[in-house]
Amino acid sequence: MIGGNDGEVHRISEGAVFRANESEPRLVRRVQHETNNPYFGAGGKTTAGVDARLVPLATPTPLPPLPSPAALPTVEPPQALLPVNICDYDWHCPTAERIVWCESRFDPLAISWTGESFGLFQLNQVHAYRWPNFWSEWMNPEVNTAWAWELYQEQGWQPWDCWGAW
C-alpha cells in the first residue's frame, strides 16, 4: 500500500496501480524522494516520498481482419519496373537478376556503402576509365546494364561479390 497525493490508499500489482474504488488498472510512475522508503527496498516506514501520478493504461485496439488472398493487389516484380530488360542479354537471366537484386535491390540510383560502386549492377569505380561518360551515366539502368554486359563478356560473374553468395 502507498499513499497517493490525494490521500487515497493504493495497492501495487505488477507495476500497475489499482485505486481502492476502481477496477481499472493505471500505470504509476514512482519517484523516490527519501532513502528510507520501504517500497524501494530501503526498509524505512515513510511513504511521503512516493509521487504516484496515475495514467490510464492503453487499451490495445483490435487489428482488422486480413484480406483474402484474392483481394490482394498484384505487385509487379522490380525487374518489370525498369526501362531495360536484363534478360535481353545472352547471360543466364536468373543469375543476372539475382545479382542485381543482391547488389542494388533493382535500384538504378544505388550507391554502395563504401561509395565505390554504382547503379543496378553496382559497377565499381575502378572501371570508370573504360567509359568516358561513367560519372554522368552510371545511374541510367540501360547504360549500367550494357556496361555490366561488357564486364560479363570479359570476366564472367567474377566482378560481382554477390555472385556465389547463394
C-alpha atoms as a PDB file:
ATOM      1  CA  MET A   1       0.000   0.000   0.000  1.00  0.00           C
ATOM      2  CA  ILE A   2       1.220   3.503  -0.746  1.00  0.00           C
ATOM      3  CA  GLY A   3      -0.236   6.882  -0.035  1.00  0.00           C
ATOM      4  CA  GLY A   4      -1.126   8.914  -3.084  1.00  0.00           C
ATOM      5  CA  ASN A   5      -1.082  12.694  -3.485  1.00  0.00           C
ATOM      6  CA  ASP A   6      -4.834  12.795  -2.982  1.00  0.00           C
ATOM      7  CA  GLY A   7      -4.752  10.870   0.334  1.00  0.00           C
ATOM      8  CA  GLU A   8      -6.355   7.737  -1.112  1.00  0.00           C
ATOM      9  CA  VAL A   9      -4.758   4.392  -0.456  1.00  0.00           C
ATOM     10  CA  HIS A  10      -3.453   2.481  -3.479  1.00  0.00           C
ATOM     11  CA  ARG A  11      -2.044  -1.001  -3.830  1.00  0.00           C
ATOM     12  CA  ILE A  12       0.638  -2.030  -6.294  1.00  0.00           C
ATOM     13  CA  SER A  13       0.182  -5.000  -8.578  1.00  0.00           C
ATOM     14  CA  GLU A  14       2.935  -5.772 -11.126  1.00  0.00           C
ATOM     15  CA  GLY A  15       3.677  -2.156 -11.924  1.00  0.00           C
ATOM     16  CA  ALA A  16       0.025  -1.189 -12.236  1.00  0.00           C
ATOM     17  CA  VAL A  17      -1.900   0.683  -9.540  1.00  0.00           C
ATOM     18  CA  PHE A  18      -5.464  -0.100  -8.547  1.00  0.00           C
ATOM     19  CA  ARG A  19      -7.403   2.599  -6.757  1.00  0.00           C
ATOM     20  CA  ALA A  20      -9.473   1.231  -3.919  1.00  0.00           C
ATOM     21  CA  ASN A  21     -12.715   2.309  -5.604  1.00  0.00           C
ATOM     22  CA  GLU A  22     -11.820   1.367  -9.224  1.00  0.00           C
ATOM     23  CA  SER A  23     -11.373  -1.855 -11.120  1.00  0.00           C
ATOM     24  CA  GLU A  24      -9.331  -0.320 -13.988  1.00  0.00           C
ATOM     25  CA  PRO A  25      -5.563  -0.544 -13.516  1.00  0.00           C
ATOM     26  CA  ARG A  26      -3.462   2.564 -14.059  1.00  0.00           C
ATOM     27  CA  LEU A  27       0.260   2.912 -14.671  1.00  0.00           C
ATOM     28  CA  VAL A  28       2.210   4.575 -11.915  1.00  0.00           C
ATOM     29  CA  ARG A  29       5.460   6.493 -12.041  1.00  0.00           C
ATOM     30  CA  ARG A  30       7.164   6.452  -8.676  1.00  0.00           C
ATOM     31  CA  VAL A  31       9.913   8.872  -7.725  1.00  0.00           C
ATOM     32  CA  GLN A  32      11.905   8.183  -4.597  1.00  0.00           C
ATOM     33  CA  HIS A  33      12.435  11.363  -2.632  1.00  0.00           C
ATOM     34  CA  GLU A  34      13.641   9.720   0.578  1.00  0.00           C
ATOM     35  CA  THR A  35      16.176   6.934   1.008  1.00  0.00           C
ATOM     36  CA  ASN A  36      14.229   5.114   3.714  1.00  0.00           C
ATOM     37  CA  ASN A  37      11.181   4.384   1.550  1.00  0.00           C
ATOM     38  CA  PRO A  38      10.053   0.754   2.132  1.00  0.00           C
ATOM     39  CA  TYR A  39       8.684   0.492  -1.392  1.00  0.00           C
ATOM     40  CA  PHE A  40      12.158   0.944  -2.839  1.00  0.00           C
ATOM     41  CA  GLY A  41      13.764  -1.665  -0.596  1.00  0.00           C
ATOM     42  CA  ALA A  42      15.434   0.594   1.981  1.00  0.00           C
ATOM     43  CA  GLY A  43      13.449  -0.768   4.933  1.00  0.00           C
ATOM     44  CA  GLY A  44      12.057   2.504   6.356  1.00  0.00           C
ATOM     45  CA  LYS A  45       8.439   3.378   7.042  1.00  0.00           C
ATOM     46  CA  THR A  46       7.976   6.702   5.210  1.00  0.00           C
ATOM     47  CA  THR A  47       5.620   6.797   2.241  1.00  0.00           C
ATOM     48  CA  ALA A  48       5.598  10.556   1.779  1.00  0.00           C
ATOM     49  CA  GLY A  49       8.432  10.264  -0.745  1.00  0.00           C
ATOM     50  CA  VAL A  50       6.262   8.497  -3.330  1.00  0.00           C
ATOM     51  CA  ASP A  51       4.873  10.525  -6.198  1.00  0.00           C
ATOM     52  CA  ALA A  52       2.006   8.464  -7.603  1.00  0.00           C
ATOM     53  CA  ARG A  53       0.962  10.012 -10.895  1.00  0.00           C
ATOM     54  CA  LEU A  54      -1.795   7.857 -12.275  1.00  0.00           C
ATOM     55  CA  VAL A  55      -2.004   7.387 -16.015  1.00  0.00           C
ATOM     56  CA  PRO A  56      -4.672   5.199 -17.689  1.00  0.00           C
ATOM     57  CA  LEU A  57      -3.312   2.025 -19.276  1.00  0.00           C
ATOM     58  CA  ALA A  58      -3.520   1.943 -23.040  1.00  0.00           C
ATOM     59  CA  THR A  59      -6.202  -0.392 -24.310  1.00  0.00           C
ATOM     60  CA  PRO A  60      -4.947  -2.205 -27.396  1.00  0.00           C
ATOM     61  CA  THR A  61      -7.117  -1.717 -30.439  1.00  0.00           C
ATOM     62  CA  PRO A  62      -8.030  -4.920 -32.231  1.00  0.00           C
ATOM     63  CA  LEU A  63      -6.401  -5.495 -35.603  1.00  0.00           C
ATOM     64  CA  PRO A  64      -8.641  -5.541 -38.646  1.00  0.00           C
ATOM     65  CA  PRO A  65      -9.154  -8.932 -40.290  1.00  0.00           C
ATOM     66  CA  LEU A  66      -6.676  -9.876 -43.001  1.00  0.00           C
ATOM     67  CA  PRO A  67      -7.974  -9.648 -46.571  1.00  0.00           C
ATOM     68  CA  SER A  68      -8.380 -12.827 -48.527  1.00  0.00           C
ATOM     69  CA  PRO A  69      -5.521 -13.616 -50.959  1.00  0.00           C
ATOM     70  CA  ALA A  70      -7.834 -12.952 -53.901  1.00  0.00           C
ATOM     71  CA  ALA A  71      -8.411  -9.380 -52.658  1.00  0.00           C
ATOM     72  CA  LEU A  72      -4.698  -8.515 -52.535  1.00  0.00           C
ATOM     73  CA  PRO A  73      -3.345  -6.447 -55.439  1.00  0.00           C
ATOM     74  CA  THR A  74      -0.806  -7.999 -57.743  1.00  0.00           C
ATOM     75  CA  VAL A  75       2.648  -6.484 -57.428  1.00  0.00           C
ATOM     76  CA  GLU A  76       4.992  -6.201 -60.363  1.00  0.00           C
ATOM     77  CA  PRO A  77       8.447  -7.634 -59.744  1.00  0.00           C
ATOM     78  CA  PRO A  78      11.151  -4.923 -59.609  1.00  0.00           C
ATOM     79  CA  GLN A  79      12.554  -6.063 -62.969  1.00  0.00           C
ATOM     80  CA  ALA A  80       9.241  -5.176 -64.645  1.00  0.00           C
ATOM     81  CA  LEU A  81       9.573  -1.576 -63.451  1.00  0.00           C
ATOM     82  CA  LEU A  82      12.882  -0.983 -65.241  1.00  0.00           C
ATOM     83  CA  PRO A  83      13.127   0.517 -68.732  1.00  0.00           C
ATOM     84  CA  VAL A  84      15.698  -2.172 -69.578  1.00  0.00           C
ATOM     85  CA  ASN A  85      15.153  -5.897 -69.739  1.00  0.00           C
ATOM     86  CA  ILE A  86      18.156  -7.531 -68.119  1.00  0.00           C
ATOM     87  CA  CYS A  87      17.194 -10.792 -69.797  1.00  0.00           C
ATOM     88  CA  ASP A  88      17.680  -9.322 -73.292  1.00  0.00           C
ATOM     89  CA  TYR A  89      21.401 -10.085 -72.932  1.00  0.00           C
ATOM     90  CA  ASP A  90      22.893 -13.503 -73.592  1.00  0.00           C
ATOM     91  CA  TRP A  91      23.720 -14.374 -69.998  1.00  0.00           C
ATOM     92  CA  HIS A  92      21.886 -16.624 -67.562  1.00  0.00           C
ATOM     93  CA  CYS A  93      18.912 -14.386 -66.827  1.00  0.00           C
ATOM     94  CA  PRO A  94      18.019 -15.712 -63.331  1.00  0.00           C
ATOM     95  CA  THR A  95      21.646 -15.248 -62.246  1.00  0.00           C
ATOM     96  CA  ALA A  96      21.768 -11.697 -63.621  1.00  0.00           C
ATOM     97  CA  GLU A  97      18.528 -10.822 -61.843  1.00  0.00           C
ATOM     98  CA  ARG A  98      19.789 -12.330 -58.573  1.00  0.00           C
ATOM     99  CA  ILE A  99      22.971 -10.292 -58.837  1.00  0.00           C
ATOM    100  CA  VAL A 100      21.029  -7.092 -59.436  1.00  0.00           C
ATOM    101  CA  TRP A 101      18.739  -7.914 -56.506  1.00  0.00           C
ATOM    102  CA  CYS A 102      21.692  -8.648 -54.242  1.00  0.00           C
ATOM    103  CA  GLU A 103      23.795  -5.669 -55.377  1.00  0.00           C
ATOM    104  CA  SER A 104      21.180  -2.881 -55.647  1.00  0.00           C
ATOM    105  CA  ARG A 105      17.694  -4.268 -54.960  1.00  0.00           C
ATOM    106  CA  PHE A 106      16.867  -3.156 -58.521  1.00  0.00           C
ATOM    107  CA  ASP A 107      17.548   0.470 -57.600  1.00  0.00           C
ATOM    108  CA  PRO A 108      19.306   2.219 -60.521  1.00  0.00           C
ATOM    109  CA  LEU A 109      20.408   5.038 -58.161  1.00  0.00           C
ATOM    110  CA  ALA A 110      22.050   2.703 -55.631  1.00  0.00           C
ATOM    111  CA  ILE A 111      25.497   3.600 -54.324  1.00  0.00           C
ATOM    112  CA  SER A 112      27.420   1.093 -52.226  1.00  0.00           C
ATOM    113  CA  TRP A 113      28.046   1.759 -48.549  1.00  0.00           C
ATOM    114  CA  THR A 114      31.704   2.385 -49.404  1.00  0.00           C
ATOM    115  CA  GLY A 115      30.787   4.885 -52.133  1.00  0.00           C
ATOM    116  CA  GLU A 116      32.804   2.913 -54.700  1.00  0.00           C
ATOM    117  CA  SER A 117      30.112   1.005 -56.662  1.00  0.00           C
ATOM    118  CA  PHE A 118      27.190   2.449 -58.576  1.00  0.00           C
ATOM    119  CA  GLY A 119      23.878   1.628 -60.242  1.00  0.00           C
ATOM    120  CA  LEU A 120      21.898  -1.545 -60.856  1.00  0.00           C
ATOM    121  CA  PHE A 121      24.919  -3.807 -61.183  1.00  0.00           C
ATOM    122  CA  GLN A 122      27.000  -1.810 -58.682  1.00  0.00           C
ATOM    123  CA  LEU A 123      29.806  -1.198 -61.150  1.00  0.00           C
ATOM    124  CA  ASN A 124      32.953  -0.354 -59.237  1.00  0.00           C
ATOM    125  CA  GLN A 125      34.689   2.963 -59.876  1.00  0.00           C
ATOM    126  CA  VAL A 126      37.850   1.076 -60.881  1.00  0.00           C
ATOM    127  CA  HIS A 127      36.095   0.504 -64.214  1.00  0.00           C
ATOM    128  CA  ALA A 128      35.277   4.199 -64.753  1.00  0.00           C
ATOM    129  CA  TYR A 129      38.283   4.649 -67.069  1.00  0.00           C
ATOM    130  CA  ARG A 130      36.637   2.275 -69.566  1.00  0.00           C
ATOM    131  CA  TRP A 131      33.683   4.541 -70.227  1.00  0.00           C
ATOM    132  CA  PRO A 132      34.308   8.301 -70.548  1.00  0.00           C
ATOM    133  CA  ASN A 133      30.733   9.090 -69.517  1.00  0.00           C
ATOM    134  CA  PHE A 134      30.762   6.796 -66.458  1.00  0.00           C
ATOM    135  CA  TRP A 135      30.171   9.565 -63.915  1.00  0.00           C
ATOM    136  CA  SER A 136      27.229  11.059 -65.803  1.00  0.00           C
ATOM    137  CA  GLU A 137      25.586   7.792 -66.921  1.00  0.00           C
ATOM    138  CA  TRP A 138      26.073   5.162 -64.206  1.00  0.00           C
ATOM    139  CA  MET A 139      22.526   5.796 -62.907  1.00  0.00           C
ATOM    140  CA  ASN A 140      20.931   5.053 -66.292  1.00  0.00           C
ATOM    141  CA  PRO A 141      19.745   1.420 -65.995  1.00  0.00           C
ATOM    142  CA  GLU A 142      20.126   0.753 -69.720  1.00  0.00           C
ATOM    143  CA  VAL A 143      23.711   2.034 -69.777  1.00  0.00           C
ATOM    144  CA  ASN A 144      24.627   0.353 -66.484  1.00  0.00           C
ATOM    145  CA  THR A 145      23.314  -2.967 -67.789  1.00  0.00           C
ATOM    146  CA  ALA A 146      25.212  -2.576 -71.089  1.00  0.00           C
ATOM    147  CA  TRP A 147      28.451  -1.900 -69.156  1.00  0.00           C
ATOM    148  CA  ALA A 148      27.746  -4.895 -66.904  1.00  0.00           C
ATOM    149  CA  TRP A 149      27.319  -6.983 -70.056  1.00  0.00           C
ATOM    150  CA  GLU A 150      30.746  -5.842 -71.279  1.00  0.00           C
ATOM    151  CA  LEU A 151      32.330  -6.859 -67.978  1.00  0.00           C
ATOM    152  CA  TYR A 152      30.471 -10.165 -68.022  1.00  0.00           C
ATOM    153  CA  GLN A 153      31.763 -10.948 -71.523  1.00  0.00           C
ATOM    154  CA  GLU A 154      35.347 -10.431 -70.328  1.00  0.00           C
ATOM    155  CA  GLN A 155      35.254 -11.852 -66.796  1.00  0.00           C
ATOM    156  CA  GLY A 156      32.003 -13.766 -66.301  1.00  0.00           C
ATOM    157  CA  TRP A 157      30.339 -13.148 -62.929  1.00  0.00           C
ATOM    158  CA  GLN A 158      33.671 -12.611 -61.116  1.00  0.00           C
ATOM    159  CA  PRO A 159      33.409  -8.778 -60.784  1.00  0.00           C
ATOM    160  CA  TRP A 160      30.325  -9.121 -58.542  1.00  0.00           C
ATOM    161  CA  ASP A 161      30.655 -10.013 -54.884  1.00  0.00           C
ATOM    162  CA  CYS A 162      27.088 -11.295 -54.871  1.00  0.00           C
ATOM    163  CA  TRP A 163      27.960 -13.991 -57.392  1.00  0.00           C
ATOM    164  CA  GLY A 164      28.342 -17.214 -55.488  1.00  0.00           C
ATOM    165  CA  ALA A 165      26.858 -15.683 -52.323  1.00  0.00           C
ATOM    166  CA  TRP A 166      23.907 -18.019 -52.583  1.00  0.00           C
END
